[in-house]
Protein backbone atom coordinates (compact mmCIF):
# COMPACT_ATOMS: atom_id res chain seq x y z
CA MET A 1 153.72 94.29 139.65
CA LEU A 2 153.64 90.66 140.80
CA ALA A 3 150.23 91.25 142.42
CA THR A 4 148.93 92.79 139.18
CA TYR A 5 150.06 89.82 137.11
CA ARG A 6 148.72 87.31 139.63
CA ALA A 7 145.34 89.05 139.74
CA ALA A 8 145.12 89.15 135.95
CA LEU A 9 146.67 85.82 134.97
CA GLY A 10 146.91 83.43 137.92
CA ASP A 11 148.24 83.01 141.45
CA ASP A 12 151.06 80.69 140.39
CA ILE A 13 153.08 83.41 138.62
CA THR A 14 156.49 84.07 140.21
CA THR A 15 158.82 87.06 140.15
CA ASP A 16 161.11 85.07 137.84
CA ASP A 17 158.19 84.53 135.46
CA VAL A 18 157.58 88.30 135.34
CA PHE A 19 161.27 88.99 134.70
CA TYR A 20 161.44 86.51 131.82
CA TYR A 21 158.10 87.78 130.43
CA VAL A 22 159.59 91.28 130.26
CA TYR A 23 162.83 89.97 128.70
CA GLY A 24 160.87 88.12 126.04
CA LEU A 25 158.52 91.05 125.42
CA LEU A 26 161.41 93.49 124.94
CA HIS A 27 162.59 91.31 122.02
CA SER A 28 159.18 91.32 120.32
CA PRO A 29 159.10 93.16 116.97
CA GLY A 30 155.45 94.03 117.59
CA TYR A 31 156.27 95.58 120.96
CA ARG A 32 159.26 97.49 119.54
CA THR A 33 157.15 98.89 116.72
CA ARG A 34 154.19 99.79 118.92
CA PHE A 35 156.31 101.60 121.52
CA ALA A 36 159.13 102.85 119.25
CA ALA A 37 158.66 106.53 120.13
CA ASP A 38 158.44 105.82 123.87
CA LEU A 39 161.53 103.57 123.84
CA ARG A 40 163.65 106.46 122.51
CA LYS A 41 162.83 108.88 125.30
CA MET A 42 161.71 107.04 128.44
CA LEU A 43 161.72 103.75 130.29
CA PRO A 44 159.79 101.07 128.43
CA ARG A 45 156.13 100.57 129.23
CA ILE A 46 155.30 96.95 129.93
CA PRO A 47 151.71 95.98 129.14
CA THR A 48 150.15 93.00 130.85
CA ALA A 49 149.74 90.05 128.50
CA ALA A 50 146.27 89.71 127.00
CA THR A 51 146.06 86.00 127.86
CA ARG A 52 147.85 83.48 130.03
CA ASP A 53 148.98 81.67 126.88
CA ASP A 54 150.68 84.85 125.62
CA PHE A 55 152.27 85.41 129.04
CA ASP A 56 153.58 81.84 129.11
CA ALA A 57 154.91 82.11 125.53
CA PHE A 58 156.80 85.35 126.29
CA THR A 59 158.05 83.93 129.61
CA HIS A 60 159.36 80.76 127.96
CA ALA A 61 160.99 82.78 125.15
CA GLY A 62 162.50 85.22 127.67
CA ARG A 63 163.97 82.41 129.76
CA THR A 64 165.45 80.75 126.66
CA LEU A 65 166.84 84.05 125.33
CA SER A 66 168.33 84.94 128.71
CA ASP A 67 170.13 81.61 128.96
CA LEU A 68 171.35 81.95 125.37
CA HIS A 69 172.59 85.53 125.80
CA ARG A 70 174.29 84.94 129.15
CA GLY A 71 175.96 81.79 127.84
CA TYR A 72 177.11 83.19 124.49
CA GLU A 73 180.74 82.21 125.13
CA THR A 74 179.77 78.55 125.46
CA ALA A 75 177.28 78.41 122.57
CA THR A 76 177.94 75.83 119.89
CA PRO A 77 180.02 77.50 117.15
CA TYR A 78 178.09 78.03 113.92
CA PRO A 79 179.60 75.95 111.08
CA LEU A 80 181.11 78.85 109.12
CA GLU A 81 183.60 77.77 106.48
CA GLU A 82 187.20 78.80 107.11
CA SER A 83 189.00 79.76 103.90
CA TRP A 84 192.78 79.86 104.36
CA THR A 85 195.36 81.43 102.06
CA GLY A 86 199.08 80.75 102.07
CA THR A 87 200.84 77.97 103.94
CA LEU A 88 199.63 78.79 107.46
CA ASP A 89 196.92 76.64 109.01
CA GLY A 90 194.18 77.21 111.55
CA ASN A 91 196.37 76.44 114.55
CA ASP A 92 199.24 78.82 113.79
CA ARG A 93 199.16 81.79 116.17
CA GLU A 94 200.31 84.27 113.51
CA ALA A 95 197.58 83.11 111.12
CA LEU A 96 194.98 83.90 113.78
CA ARG A 97 196.16 87.39 114.75
CA VAL A 98 193.50 89.99 114.09
CA ASN A 99 194.17 93.60 113.19
CA LYS A 100 190.89 94.86 111.73
CA MET A 101 188.11 92.65 110.40
CA ARG A 102 185.66 93.63 107.68
CA PHE A 103 182.82 92.16 105.68
CA LYS A 104 183.51 91.01 102.11
CA SER A 105 181.96 94.26 100.82
CA LYS A 106 179.52 96.96 101.88
CA THR A 107 176.67 94.97 100.41
CA ASP A 108 177.88 91.39 100.91
CA HIS A 109 177.91 90.41 104.58
CA SER A 110 177.93 86.67 103.95
CA ALA A 111 181.70 86.57 104.42
CA LEU A 112 183.99 88.12 107.01
CA ILE A 113 187.59 88.92 106.12
CA TYR A 114 189.29 88.07 109.42
CA ASN A 115 192.85 88.89 108.28
CA THR A 116 195.06 88.34 105.22
CA HIS A 117 195.16 84.59 105.92
CA LEU A 118 191.56 83.78 106.89
CA SER A 119 188.05 84.48 105.69
CA LEU A 120 184.90 83.12 107.32
CA THR A 121 182.13 82.41 104.81
CA GLY A 122 178.56 81.21 104.97
CA ILE A 123 177.22 83.83 107.40
CA PRO A 124 173.41 83.54 107.15
CA ASP A 125 171.24 86.65 106.65
CA ALA A 126 169.47 85.91 109.95
CA ALA A 127 172.71 86.63 111.83
CA HIS A 128 172.46 90.27 110.74
CA ARG A 129 168.85 90.67 111.89
CA TYR A 130 169.73 90.41 115.59
CA ARG A 131 170.54 93.98 116.60
CA LEU A 132 172.24 95.43 119.65
CA GLY A 133 171.08 99.01 119.30
CA ALA A 134 171.88 100.19 115.78
CA ARG A 135 174.33 97.38 114.93
CA SER A 136 174.20 93.64 114.54
CA ALA A 137 176.08 91.53 117.08
CA LEU A 138 178.66 90.74 114.36
CA GLU A 139 179.17 94.43 113.64
CA TRP A 140 179.73 94.95 117.34
CA ILE A 141 182.40 92.20 117.36
CA ILE A 142 184.11 93.72 114.30
CA ASP A 143 184.25 97.11 116.01
CA ARG A 144 185.45 95.86 119.40
CA TYR A 145 187.91 93.17 118.32
CA GLN A 146 190.47 95.24 116.45
CA VAL A 147 193.82 96.72 117.34
CA LYS A 148 193.27 100.37 118.32
CA THR A 149 195.43 103.11 119.78
CA ASP A 150 193.71 105.50 122.19
CA SER A 151 192.73 108.60 120.21
CA ARG A 152 193.04 110.91 123.23
CA GLY A 153 196.81 110.82 123.14
CA SER A 154 197.60 108.35 125.92
CA GLY A 155 199.24 105.95 123.47
CA ILE A 156 197.48 102.98 125.08
CA ILE A 157 197.01 100.17 122.58
CA ASN A 158 193.96 97.93 122.82
CA ASP A 159 194.99 94.63 121.27
CA PRO A 160 192.46 91.77 121.44
CA ASN A 161 195.20 89.31 120.50
CA THR A 162 196.62 89.79 124.01
CA TRP A 163 193.47 88.20 125.47
CA CYS A 164 193.92 85.19 123.18
CA ASP A 165 197.53 84.87 124.34
CA GLU A 166 196.52 85.10 128.01
CA GLN A 167 193.88 82.39 127.51
CA LEU A 168 196.34 80.20 125.59
CA ASN A 169 193.66 79.99 122.92
CA ALA A 170 194.72 81.44 119.57
CA ARG A 171 191.29 80.59 118.11
CA TYR A 172 189.28 82.49 120.75
CA ILE A 173 188.14 85.33 118.45
CA VAL A 174 187.39 83.01 115.50
CA ASP A 175 185.34 80.75 117.75
CA LEU A 176 183.65 83.77 119.36
CA ILE A 177 182.52 84.97 115.93
CA LYS A 178 181.05 81.53 115.20
CA ARG A 179 179.32 81.49 118.60
CA VAL A 180 177.87 84.97 118.08
CA VAL A 181 176.45 83.80 114.73
CA THR A 182 174.78 80.87 116.52
CA VAL A 183 173.37 83.19 119.20
CA SER A 184 172.13 85.66 116.58
CA VAL A 185 170.45 83.03 114.39
CA THR A 186 168.87 81.24 117.37
CA THR A 187 167.67 84.55 118.83
CA MET A 188 165.89 85.41 115.61
CA GLU A 189 164.29 81.95 115.43
CA ILE A 190 162.88 82.51 118.92
CA VAL A 191 161.82 86.11 118.18
CA ASP A 192 160.08 85.04 114.96
CA GLY A 193 158.03 82.56 117.01
CA LEU A 194 156.76 85.12 119.55
CA PRO A 195 153.04 85.88 119.62
CA SER A 196 151.97 89.15 118.04
CA ASN A 197 151.08 91.66 120.72
């Protein structure tokens, strides 16, 4: 594959360049539409870029996306507004316990009801455009970060609050949500800037 890309686009292309080109290309809406049927039933086909400029654009985007996605836990938290009810504040452990999160309504995903004490508002529409399979990254967080008892009868309880306690960081899940919004919005800004292919 490296030889093919070097022959077509230049001898200075590295294996890392090819990897990041593929990572960027796999995020392209044009690519996903063009190969939608193939992507459901087989390994993705990776066409060679038409020009060196397109290759470089996808490579740069792929490198940026890879860094962003691998570093999601250290991304700058998105400035969502925290709306508190009652007398508890944002540093009280009990106020930050999560049981099951949900969006404000089935049609309004601009706010996330974290628990009875906290709502996070100001979620931009772009955050819902970044999909991990059939769900947005936020929907994935909502599904994974809830208290669940194993349905197969073992009685094992999955409680994400335990992780917060172990990390001595009661705000871990709240901050993770804000970071995932940043990653989602930034991903879509990069994807929207990709060349059409």
